[in-house]
Amino acid sequence: MKLYELLDLSKNIFRQARTLQKGKNHDYSDDDDALSNFKKQAIICEALGLDNTPKAMVMQLHVLKLIRITNLWSKKNANYESIEDSNIDGINYQILSEACRIDEQEE
């Protein structure tokens, strides 16, 4: 690959990443704070007394999913995953949580 081809490739990848970031940020965070979802996640996880175990990571992602759903309730549409898809995906986090509980018991 020539240098100009590599630079074109990276330019296109960064353009796609920026477009994806903009759309995902619309779905996951408040309009006035691009990091609001992570801030809310930290507050909720701290209140739940979660640490950095696999269970905690699953629960943190589930909390983030719940924040996303809440944000989508106040928006006209989602750029990517619908509220229905998010709710269904939330079920997967519940299953993962149970799997982590079982895994901890077996250790």
C-alpha atoms as a PDB file:
ATOM      1  CA  MET A   1       0.000   0.000   0.000  1.00  0.00           C
ATOM      2  CA  LYS A   2       1.302   3.406  -0.942  1.00  0.00           C
ATOM      3  CA  LEU A   3       1.433   6.193   1.612  1.00  0.00           C
ATOM      4  CA  TYR A   4      -1.277   8.198  -0.163  1.00  0.00           C
ATOM      5  CA  GLU A   5      -3.521   5.088  -0.123  1.00  0.00           C
ATOM      6  CA  LEU A   6      -2.927   4.630   3.605  1.00  0.00           C
ATOM      7  CA  LEU A   7      -3.727   8.296   4.251  1.00  0.00           C
ATOM      8  CA  ASP A   8      -6.924   8.036   2.180  1.00  0.00           C
ATOM      9  CA  LEU A   9      -7.900   4.903   4.070  1.00  0.00           C
ATOM     10  CA  SER A  10      -7.350   6.515   7.455  1.00  0.00           C
ATOM     11  CA  LYS A  11      -9.256   9.632   6.346  1.00  0.00           C
ATOM     12  CA  ASN A  12     -12.247   7.484   5.333  1.00  0.00           C
ATOM     13  CA  ILE A  13     -12.128   5.409   8.522  1.00  0.00           C
ATOM     14  CA  PHE A  14     -12.021   8.520  10.694  1.00  0.00           C
ATOM     15  CA  ARG A  15     -14.932  10.011   8.740  1.00  0.00           C
ATOM     16  CA  GLN A  16     -16.970   6.846   9.344  1.00  0.00           C
ATOM     17  CA  ALA A  17     -15.976   6.778  13.014  1.00  0.00           C
ATOM     18  CA  ARG A  18     -17.047  10.399  13.454  1.00  0.00           C
ATOM     19  CA  THR A  19     -20.416   9.737  11.807  1.00  0.00           C
ATOM     20  CA  LEU A  20     -20.944   6.693  14.010  1.00  0.00           C
ATOM     21  CA  GLN A  21     -19.867   8.616  17.110  1.00  0.00           C
ATOM     22  CA  LYS A  22     -22.295  11.435  16.345  1.00  0.00           C
ATOM     23  CA  GLY A  23     -25.202   9.056  15.883  1.00  0.00           C
ATOM     24  CA  LYS A  24     -24.408   6.910  18.899  1.00  0.00           C
ATOM     25  CA  ASN A  25     -23.901   9.986  21.067  1.00  0.00           C
ATOM     26  CA  HIS A  26     -27.364  11.189  20.052  1.00  0.00           C
ATOM     27  CA  ASP A  27     -28.841   7.883  21.225  1.00  0.00           C
ATOM     28  CA  TYR A  28     -26.816   7.404  24.420  1.00  0.00           C
ATOM     29  CA  SER A  29     -26.289  10.844  25.953  1.00  0.00           C
ATOM     30  CA  ASP A  30     -28.074  14.047  26.818  1.00  0.00           C
ATOM     31  CA  ASP A  31     -28.030  16.765  24.179  1.00  0.00           C
ATOM     32  CA  ASP A  32     -26.048  19.180  26.373  1.00  0.00           C
ATOM     33  CA  ASP A  33     -23.407  16.742  27.677  1.00  0.00           C
ATOM     34  CA  ALA A  34     -21.766  14.182  25.407  1.00  0.00           C
ATOM     35  CA  LEU A  35     -20.461  12.260  28.419  1.00  0.00           C
ATOM     36  CA  SER A  36     -23.679  12.320  30.453  1.00  0.00           C
ATOM     37  CA  ASN A  37     -24.286   8.609  29.961  1.00  0.00           C
ATOM     38  CA  PHE A  38     -20.930   7.722  31.531  1.00  0.00           C
ATOM     39  CA  LYS A  39     -21.453  10.171  34.377  1.00  0.00           C
ATOM     40  CA  LYS A  40     -24.884   8.694  35.121  1.00  0.00           C
ATOM     41  CA  GLN A  41     -23.431   5.206  34.834  1.00  0.00           C
ATOM     42  CA  ALA A  42     -20.725   6.025  37.385  1.00  0.00           C
ATOM     43  CA  ILE A  43     -23.258   7.427  39.859  1.00  0.00           C
ATOM     44  CA  ILE A  44     -25.580   4.444  39.548  1.00  0.00           C
ATOM     45  CA  CYS A  45     -22.776   1.878  39.713  1.00  0.00           C
ATOM     46  CA  GLU A  46     -21.287   3.578  42.761  1.00  0.00           C
ATOM     47  CA  ALA A  47     -24.708   3.532  44.431  1.00  0.00           C
ATOM     48  CA  LEU A  48     -24.962  -0.175  43.667  1.00  0.00           C
ATOM     49  CA  GLY A  49     -21.518  -0.770  45.172  1.00  0.00           C
ATOM     50  CA  LEU A  50     -20.198  -2.333  41.974  1.00  0.00           C
ATOM     51  CA  ASP A  51     -16.508  -3.012  41.443  1.00  0.00           C
ATOM     52  CA  ASN A  52     -14.539  -4.099  38.392  1.00  0.00           C
ATOM     53  CA  THR A  53     -15.491  -7.784  38.355  1.00  0.00           C
ATOM     54  CA  PRO A  54     -17.060  -9.388  35.270  1.00  0.00           C
ATOM     55  CA  LYS A  55     -20.422  -9.090  37.015  1.00  0.00           C
ATOM     56  CA  ALA A  56     -19.806  -5.399  37.547  1.00  0.00           C
ATOM     57  CA  MET A  57     -18.896  -4.880  33.902  1.00  0.00           C
ATOM     58  CA  VAL A  58     -22.093  -6.599  32.764  1.00  0.00           C
ATOM     59  CA  MET A  59     -24.140  -4.557  35.200  1.00  0.00           C
ATOM     60  CA  GLN A  60     -22.441  -1.341  34.101  1.00  0.00           C
ATOM     61  CA  LEU A  61     -23.249  -2.064  30.463  1.00  0.00           C
ATOM     62  CA  HIS A  62     -26.816  -2.874  31.462  1.00  0.00           C
ATOM     63  CA  VAL A  63     -27.070   0.434  33.310  1.00  0.00           C
ATOM     64  CA  LEU A  64     -25.738   2.198  30.206  1.00  0.00           C
ATOM     65  CA  LYS A  65     -28.379   0.413  28.116  1.00  0.00           C
ATOM     66  CA  LEU A  66     -31.096   1.588  30.533  1.00  0.00           C
ATOM     67  CA  ILE A  67     -29.812   5.166  30.295  1.00  0.00           C
ATOM     68  CA  ARG A  68     -29.932   4.903  26.496  1.00  0.00           C
ATOM     69  CA  ILE A  69     -33.526   3.690  26.600  1.00  0.00           C
ATOM     70  CA  THR A  70     -34.469   6.571  28.890  1.00  0.00           C
ATOM     71  CA  ASN A  71     -32.840   9.059  26.512  1.00  0.00           C
ATOM     72  CA  LEU A  72     -34.629   7.564  23.518  1.00  0.00           C
ATOM     73  CA  TRP A  73     -38.028   8.000  25.203  1.00  0.00           C
ATOM     74  CA  SER A  74     -37.571  11.762  24.875  1.00  0.00           C
ATOM     75  CA  LYS A  75     -36.292  11.708  21.281  1.00  0.00           C
ATOM     76  CA  LYS A  76     -38.295  11.280  18.095  1.00  0.00           C
ATOM     77  CA  ASN A  77     -36.224   8.437  16.723  1.00  0.00           C
ATOM     78  CA  ALA A  78     -33.023   6.486  17.191  1.00  0.00           C
ATOM     79  CA  ASN A  79     -30.136   6.655  14.760  1.00  0.00           C
ATOM     80  CA  TYR A  80     -29.294   3.001  15.230  1.00  0.00           C
ATOM     81  CA  GLU A  81     -30.891   0.620  17.695  1.00  0.00           C
ATOM     82  CA  SER A  82     -34.604   1.176  18.371  1.00  0.00           C
ATOM     83  CA  ILE A  83     -36.092   1.247  21.853  1.00  0.00           C
ATOM     84  CA  GLU A  84     -37.528  -2.192  21.135  1.00  0.00           C
ATOM     85  CA  ASP A  85     -34.087  -3.531  20.159  1.00  0.00           C
ATOM     86  CA  SER A  86     -32.560  -1.895  23.234  1.00  0.00           C
ATOM     87  CA  ASN A  87     -35.143  -3.504  25.491  1.00  0.00           C
ATOM     88  CA  ILE A  88     -34.501  -6.886  23.907  1.00  0.00           C
ATOM     89  CA  ASP A  89     -30.754  -6.351  24.250  1.00  0.00           C
ATOM     90  CA  GLY A  90     -31.342  -5.470  27.907  1.00  0.00           C
ATOM     91  CA  ILE A  91     -32.706  -8.975  28.380  1.00  0.00           C
ATOM     92  CA  ASN A  92     -29.339 -10.279  27.220  1.00  0.00           C
ATOM     93  CA  TYR A  93     -27.631  -8.293  29.974  1.00  0.00           C
ATOM     94  CA  GLN A  94     -29.973  -9.868  32.529  1.00  0.00           C
ATOM     95  CA  ILE A  95     -29.027 -13.312  31.220  1.00  0.00           C
ATOM     96  CA  LEU A  96     -25.330 -12.390  31.368  1.00  0.00           C
ATOM     97  CA  SER A  97     -25.810 -11.217  34.946  1.00  0.00           C
ATOM     98  CA  GLU A  98     -27.261 -14.584  35.901  1.00  0.00           C
ATOM     99  CA  ALA A  99     -24.427 -16.344  34.069  1.00  0.00           C
ATOM    100  CA  CYS A 100     -21.888 -14.337  36.082  1.00  0.00           C
ATOM    101  CA  ARG A 101     -23.678 -15.236  39.330  1.00  0.00           C
ATOM    102  CA  ILE A 102     -23.588 -18.931  38.444  1.00  0.00           C
ATOM    103  CA  ASP A 103     -19.957 -18.679  37.364  1.00  0.00           C
ATOM    104  CA  GLU A 104     -18.991 -17.062  40.688  1.00  0.00           C
ATOM    105  CA  GLN A 105     -20.718 -19.848  42.616  1.00  0.00           C
ATOM    106  CA  GLU A 106     -18.869 -22.520  40.652  1.00  0.00           C
ATOM    107  CA  GLU A 107     -15.437 -21.030  41.384  1.00  0.00           C
END
